[in-house]
Amino acid sequence: MKKIFLTLLLSFAIISCENNKSDISSDYPTIIDESELVELTNKQYEAMNSGDIESVVDMYADDAMWSFPNGVNMEGKDAIRDMLESTTSIWNITSGDDTNYMAMKGTDTNEDGEEFEFHVLLSWGPQTFANDDTSITVPYHSATFFVGEDKKIQWTGAFYDRTKFVEAYDVDPIK
């Protein structure tokens, strides 16, 4: 499922690059300046690293989901809160200065037939997870979907090699 989703997302990104800027009625997401979405994501990591889990959870839609590369999905704010309370007590997370970003926006229709706007932030680059005993830097890819005027996070997908993490845990908190 994640491979199909990622393939579709990247296809939309490629197709949107081919659109003429004057074609604003495209059915496909369009590339936008990433600054605002990067700022929101940076606020999320700052809150996580400072232990302000409620501020992070407030950034998520009520029915949000966070997907991990081992197939685990945290569904809903309570599950996301529980996961963050566990993982942020273990790690401080920083992105490398050479992290790359691409942002898109588009519209879709929900199951009630109502049109809504969404924004997507793709990021890739080194991410370091550190504590007093260990520092793990991995190539990290993520996709974050924002919905609504207030840009609540609807879905976060994290893609990275978890091998070093599993070795560092006594008990894997993401299972």
Protein backbone atom coordinates (compact mmCIF):
# COMPACT_ATOMS: atom_id res chain seq x y z
CA MET A 1 0.00 0.00 0.00
CA LYS A 2 2.78 2.46 0.93
CA LYS A 3 4.60 1.71 -2.33
CA ILE A 4 1.48 2.38 -4.37
CA PHE A 5 0.77 5.57 -2.43
CA LEU A 6 4.35 6.82 -2.78
CA THR A 7 4.37 5.96 -6.50
CA LEU A 8 1.16 7.93 -7.03
CA LEU A 9 2.47 10.85 -5.01
CA LEU A 10 5.73 11.00 -6.95
CA SER A 11 3.79 10.66 -10.22
CA PHE A 12 1.70 13.68 -9.28
CA ALA A 13 4.88 15.57 -8.44
CA ILE A 14 6.41 14.79 -11.82
CA ILE A 15 3.22 15.61 -13.69
CA SER A 16 2.80 18.90 -11.84
CA CYS A 17 6.30 19.90 -12.91
CA GLU A 18 5.14 19.64 -16.53
CA ASN A 19 2.17 21.99 -16.02
CA ASN A 20 2.36 25.50 -17.33
CA LYS A 21 2.10 28.00 -14.43
CA SER A 22 -0.82 29.67 -16.19
CA ASP A 23 -2.79 26.38 -15.96
CA ILE A 24 -4.19 26.90 -12.48
CA SER A 25 -7.18 24.61 -13.04
CA SER A 26 -5.09 21.43 -13.03
CA ASP A 27 -6.57 18.27 -11.52
CA TYR A 28 -3.12 17.43 -10.16
CA PRO A 29 -1.30 18.83 -7.13
CA THR A 30 0.98 21.74 -7.97
CA ILE A 31 4.43 22.51 -6.62
CA ILE A 32 4.44 25.39 -4.13
CA ASP A 33 6.99 27.20 -1.95
CA GLU A 34 7.78 24.87 0.94
CA SER A 35 8.67 27.53 3.55
CA GLU A 36 5.39 27.53 5.48
CA LEU A 37 5.15 23.73 5.68
CA VAL A 38 8.83 23.40 6.65
CA GLU A 39 8.21 25.94 9.43
CA LEU A 40 5.25 23.89 10.71
CA THR A 41 7.34 20.72 10.65
CA ASN A 42 10.21 22.46 12.45
CA LYS A 43 7.77 23.60 15.17
CA GLN A 44 6.64 19.99 15.49
CA TYR A 45 10.22 18.75 16.08
CA GLU A 46 11.00 21.62 18.48
CA ALA A 47 7.94 20.72 20.55
CA MET A 48 8.83 17.01 20.49
CA ASN A 49 12.41 17.68 21.62
CA SER A 50 11.25 19.98 24.42
CA GLY A 51 8.75 17.37 25.68
CA ASP A 52 5.71 19.46 24.72
CA ILE A 53 3.75 16.50 23.37
CA GLU A 54 0.35 18.27 23.63
CA SER A 55 1.52 20.99 21.23
CA VAL A 56 2.56 18.29 18.77
CA VAL A 57 -0.73 16.40 19.13
CA ASP A 58 -2.65 19.67 18.61
CA MET A 59 -1.03 19.90 15.17
CA TYR A 60 -2.80 16.68 14.11
CA ALA A 61 -6.34 16.16 12.83
CA ASP A 62 -8.54 14.04 15.11
CA ASP A 63 -8.41 11.06 12.74
CA ALA A 64 -4.74 11.46 11.81
CA MET A 65 -2.38 8.57 11.18
CA TRP A 66 1.41 8.19 11.48
CA SER A 67 2.85 5.29 9.47
CA PHE A 68 6.21 3.64 10.08
CA PRO A 69 8.43 1.54 7.80
CA ASN A 70 7.77 -1.62 9.82
CA GLY A 71 4.09 -1.48 8.81
CA VAL A 72 2.85 -0.04 12.12
CA ASN A 73 0.22 2.70 11.88
CA MET A 74 -0.59 4.94 14.82
CA GLU A 75 -4.22 5.92 14.25
CA GLY A 76 -5.82 8.87 16.04
CA LYS A 77 -4.46 11.50 18.38
CA ASP A 78 -4.41 9.21 21.43
CA ALA A 79 -2.24 6.61 19.69
CA ILE A 80 0.06 9.33 18.31
CA ARG A 81 0.32 10.89 21.79
CA ASP A 82 1.21 7.52 23.38
CA MET A 83 3.86 6.84 20.73
CA LEU A 84 5.37 10.32 21.12
CA GLU A 85 5.46 10.08 24.91
CA SER A 86 7.44 6.87 24.56
CA THR A 87 9.80 7.81 21.73
CA THR A 88 10.52 11.40 22.76
CA SER A 89 11.58 10.16 26.18
CA ILE A 90 14.26 8.16 24.35
CA TRP A 91 15.46 10.44 21.53
CA ASN A 92 16.05 14.04 20.51
CA ILE A 93 15.55 14.32 16.75
CA THR A 94 17.35 16.67 14.38
CA SER A 95 17.33 16.95 10.61
CA GLY A 96 20.53 17.58 8.72
CA ASP A 97 21.21 20.98 7.18
CA ASP A 98 21.19 19.28 3.80
CA THR A 99 17.61 17.99 4.14
CA ASN A 100 15.65 18.50 0.93
CA TYR A 101 12.01 19.57 0.72
CA MET A 102 9.30 19.67 -1.90
CA ALA A 103 5.80 20.98 -1.21
CA MET A 104 2.60 20.60 -3.18
CA LYS A 105 -1.01 21.63 -2.85
CA GLY A 106 -4.15 20.34 -4.42
CA THR A 107 -7.80 19.60 -3.90
CA ASP A 108 -9.72 16.38 -3.47
CA THR A 109 -13.25 15.29 -2.63
CA ASN A 110 -14.13 13.54 0.63
CA GLU A 111 -16.63 10.69 1.02
CA ASP A 112 -19.45 13.24 1.49
CA GLY A 113 -18.69 14.79 -1.90
CA GLU A 114 -17.20 17.93 -0.38
CA GLU A 115 -14.08 19.39 -1.95
CA PHE A 116 -11.16 20.12 0.37
CA GLU A 117 -7.68 21.55 -0.03
CA PHE A 118 -4.58 19.64 1.02
CA HIS A 119 -0.87 20.35 1.22
CA VAL A 120 1.94 17.81 1.09
CA LEU A 121 5.50 18.19 2.32
CA LEU A 122 8.04 15.65 1.13
CA SER A 123 11.42 15.64 2.83
CA TRP A 124 14.54 13.55 2.51
CA GLY A 125 17.98 13.74 4.04
CA PRO A 126 19.91 12.68 7.12
CA GLN A 127 18.08 12.62 10.42
CA THR A 128 19.81 12.08 13.76
CA PHE A 129 18.21 10.44 16.77
CA ALA A 130 20.35 11.02 19.86
CA ASN A 131 20.36 10.60 23.62
CA ASP A 132 23.10 10.55 26.26
CA ASP A 133 24.24 7.06 25.24
CA THR A 134 23.61 6.72 21.51
CA SER A 135 23.46 8.72 18.31
CA ILE A 136 21.95 7.19 15.18
CA THR A 137 21.95 9.04 11.85
CA VAL A 138 19.93 7.49 9.04
CA PRO A 139 18.80 8.52 5.56
CA TYR A 140 15.24 9.59 6.33
CA HIS A 141 12.32 10.18 3.99
CA SER A 142 8.93 11.47 5.04
CA ALA A 143 5.66 12.62 3.58
CA THR A 144 3.33 14.81 5.64
CA PHE A 145 -0.22 15.62 4.51
CA PHE A 146 -1.88 18.76 5.84
CA VAL A 147 -5.61 19.46 5.48
CA GLY A 148 -7.86 22.44 6.03
CA GLU A 149 -7.18 26.14 6.38
CA ASP A 150 -5.41 25.51 9.69
CA LYS A 151 -3.20 22.88 8.02
CA LYS A 152 -3.74 20.07 10.53
CA ILE A 153 -1.58 17.02 9.87
CA GLN A 154 -3.73 14.21 8.48
CA TRP A 155 -0.98 11.69 7.77
CA THR A 156 2.73 11.34 8.34
CA GLY A 157 4.67 8.60 6.62
CA ALA A 158 8.22 7.90 7.73
CA PHE A 159 10.53 5.80 5.57
CA TYR A 160 13.94 4.75 6.92
CA ASP A 161 16.00 1.70 7.88
CA ARG A 162 15.01 0.77 11.45
CA THR A 163 17.77 -1.80 12.02
CA LYS A 164 19.92 0.41 14.27
CA PHE A 165 16.87 1.46 16.27
CA VAL A 166 15.74 -2.07 17.00
CA GLU A 167 19.27 -2.88 18.17
CA ALA A 168 19.25 0.19 20.48
CA TYR A 169 15.95 -0.64 22.22
CA ASP A 170 15.36 -3.12 24.99
CA VAL A 171 11.76 -3.15 23.78
CA ASP A 172 10.81 -1.56 20.45
CA PRO A 173 8.29 1.23 21.26
CA ILE A 174 6.95 1.18 17.68
CA LYS A 175 5.29 -2.17 17.28
